[in-house]
Amino acid sequence: MRIVVDLNRCQGYAQCAFLAPEVFAMHGEEALLYRPEADEAQREKLAQAAAACPVQAILVDAVDAPAEAVSGER
């Protein structure tokens, strides 16, 4: 899964860091650090973190596997 945070919009409320600490962390009082890629197993926590953001600065998107990888073709 791919995570994108609009850091211009982020106000440092830290709801994401509270709900998904494996992906999001606060650096100081206002700077957000995050991992741009996450495992599918974290989907629920990431959805909660994105929904809890008061300024809707978080976008979580599934990354599609290439067609060859899915079908086994080369």
C-alpha atoms as a PDB file:
ATOM      1  CA  MET A   1       0.000   0.000   0.000  1.00  0.00           C
ATOM      2  CA  ARG A   2       1.181   3.497  -0.785  1.00  0.00           C
ATOM      3  CA  ILE A   3       0.750   6.400   1.656  1.00  0.00           C
ATOM      4  CA  VAL A   4       0.920  10.055   0.675  1.00  0.00           C
ATOM      5  CA  VAL A   5       0.638  12.903   3.171  1.00  0.00           C
ATOM      6  CA  ASP A   6       0.094  16.489   2.074  1.00  0.00           C
ATOM      7  CA  LEU A   7       2.646  18.029   4.430  1.00  0.00           C
ATOM      8  CA  ASN A   8       1.470  21.529   3.501  1.00  0.00           C
ATOM      9  CA  ARG A   9      -1.981  20.630   4.808  1.00  0.00           C
ATOM     10  CA  CYS A  10      -0.818  18.617   7.872  1.00  0.00           C
ATOM     11  CA  GLN A  11      -1.219  20.588  11.088  1.00  0.00           C
ATOM     12  CA  GLY A  12       0.510  18.109  13.420  1.00  0.00           C
ATOM     13  CA  TYR A  13      -2.565  16.867  15.300  1.00  0.00           C
ATOM     14  CA  ALA A  14      -0.826  13.433  15.532  1.00  0.00           C
ATOM     15  CA  GLN A  15      -4.002  11.347  15.295  1.00  0.00           C
ATOM     16  CA  CYS A  16      -2.307   9.238  12.616  1.00  0.00           C
ATOM     17  CA  ALA A  17       0.733   8.604  14.835  1.00  0.00           C
ATOM     18  CA  PHE A  18      -1.568   7.504  17.647  1.00  0.00           C
ATOM     19  CA  LEU A  19      -3.590   5.128  15.435  1.00  0.00           C
ATOM     20  CA  ALA A  20      -0.792   3.721  13.228  1.00  0.00           C
ATOM     21  CA  PRO A  21       2.545   4.209  15.034  1.00  0.00           C
ATOM     22  CA  GLU A  22       4.252   1.654  12.766  1.00  0.00           C
ATOM     23  CA  VAL A  23       3.832   4.065   9.843  1.00  0.00           C
ATOM     24  CA  PHE A  24       3.512   7.580  11.299  1.00  0.00           C
ATOM     25  CA  ALA A  25       5.594   9.396  13.926  1.00  0.00           C
ATOM     26  CA  MET A  26       5.891  12.950  15.106  1.00  0.00           C
ATOM     27  CA  HIS A  27       9.316  14.602  15.047  1.00  0.00           C
ATOM     28  CA  GLY A  28       9.112  17.421  17.528  1.00  0.00           C
ATOM     29  CA  GLU A  29       5.736  19.080  17.944  1.00  0.00           C
ATOM     30  CA  GLU A  30       4.762  19.715  14.339  1.00  0.00           C
ATOM     31  CA  ALA A  31       6.838  17.642  11.894  1.00  0.00           C
ATOM     32  CA  LEU A  32       5.326  14.376  10.695  1.00  0.00           C
ATOM     33  CA  LEU A  33       7.515  11.489   9.568  1.00  0.00           C
ATOM     34  CA  TYR A  34       5.967   8.545   7.741  1.00  0.00           C
ATOM     35  CA  ARG A  35       6.822   5.469   5.710  1.00  0.00           C
ATOM     36  CA  PRO A  36       5.448   5.852   2.165  1.00  0.00           C
ATOM     37  CA  GLU A  37       4.925   2.090   1.770  1.00  0.00           C
ATOM     38  CA  ALA A  38       3.057  -0.241   4.123  1.00  0.00           C
ATOM     39  CA  ASP A  39       1.982  -3.869   4.222  1.00  0.00           C
ATOM     40  CA  GLU A  40      -1.543  -4.892   3.302  1.00  0.00           C
ATOM     41  CA  ALA A  41      -1.928  -6.163   6.886  1.00  0.00           C
ATOM     42  CA  GLN A  42      -1.926  -2.543   8.069  1.00  0.00           C
ATOM     43  CA  ARG A  43      -4.870  -1.531   5.861  1.00  0.00           C
ATOM     44  CA  GLU A  44      -7.356  -1.204   8.745  1.00  0.00           C
ATOM     45  CA  LYS A  45      -5.064   0.955  10.900  1.00  0.00           C
ATOM     46  CA  LEU A  46      -4.159   3.160   7.930  1.00  0.00           C
ATOM     47  CA  ALA A  47      -7.811   3.642   7.009  1.00  0.00           C
ATOM     48  CA  GLN A  48      -8.556   4.676  10.601  1.00  0.00           C
ATOM     49  CA  ALA A  49      -5.574   7.044  10.646  1.00  0.00           C
ATOM     50  CA  ALA A  50      -6.611   8.674   7.361  1.00  0.00           C
ATOM     51  CA  ALA A  51     -10.221   9.048   8.531  1.00  0.00           C
ATOM     52  CA  ALA A  52      -9.115  10.548  11.855  1.00  0.00           C
ATOM     53  CA  CYS A  53      -6.994  13.283  10.256  1.00  0.00           C
ATOM     54  CA  PRO A  54      -8.846  16.549  11.010  1.00  0.00           C
ATOM     55  CA  VAL A  55      -7.545  18.211   7.826  1.00  0.00           C
ATOM     56  CA  GLN A  56      -7.753  15.090   5.589  1.00  0.00           C
ATOM     57  CA  ALA A  57      -4.055  15.278   4.680  1.00  0.00           C
ATOM     58  CA  ILE A  58      -3.554  11.494   4.307  1.00  0.00           C
ATOM     59  CA  LEU A  59      -4.175   9.460   1.167  1.00  0.00           C
ATOM     60  CA  VAL A  60      -3.876   5.662   1.312  1.00  0.00           C
ATOM     61  CA  ASP A  61      -3.840   3.859  -2.015  1.00  0.00           C
ATOM     62  CA  ALA A  62      -3.506   0.179  -2.866  1.00  0.00           C
ATOM     63  CA  VAL A  63      -0.585  -0.561  -5.163  1.00  0.00           C
ATOM     64  CA  ASP A  64      -1.595  -2.918  -7.962  1.00  0.00           C
ATOM     65  CA  ALA A  65       0.761  -5.744  -8.869  1.00  0.00           C
ATOM     66  CA  PRO A  66       1.869  -5.839 -12.522  1.00  0.00           C
ATOM     67  CA  ALA A  67      -0.291  -8.090 -14.704  1.00  0.00           C
ATOM     68  CA  GLU A  68       2.656 -10.436 -15.395  1.00  0.00           C
ATOM     69  CA  ALA A  69       3.150 -11.060 -11.666  1.00  0.00           C
ATOM     70  CA  VAL A  70      -0.521 -11.913 -11.194  1.00  0.00           C
ATOM     71  CA  SER A  71      -0.942 -14.177 -14.223  1.00  0.00           C
ATOM     72  CA  GLY A  72       2.553 -15.694 -14.139  1.00  0.00           C
ATOM     73  CA  GLU A  73       3.305 -14.564 -17.726  1.00  0.00           C
ATOM     74  CA  ARG A  74       6.718 -13.265 -18.770  1.00  0.00           C
END
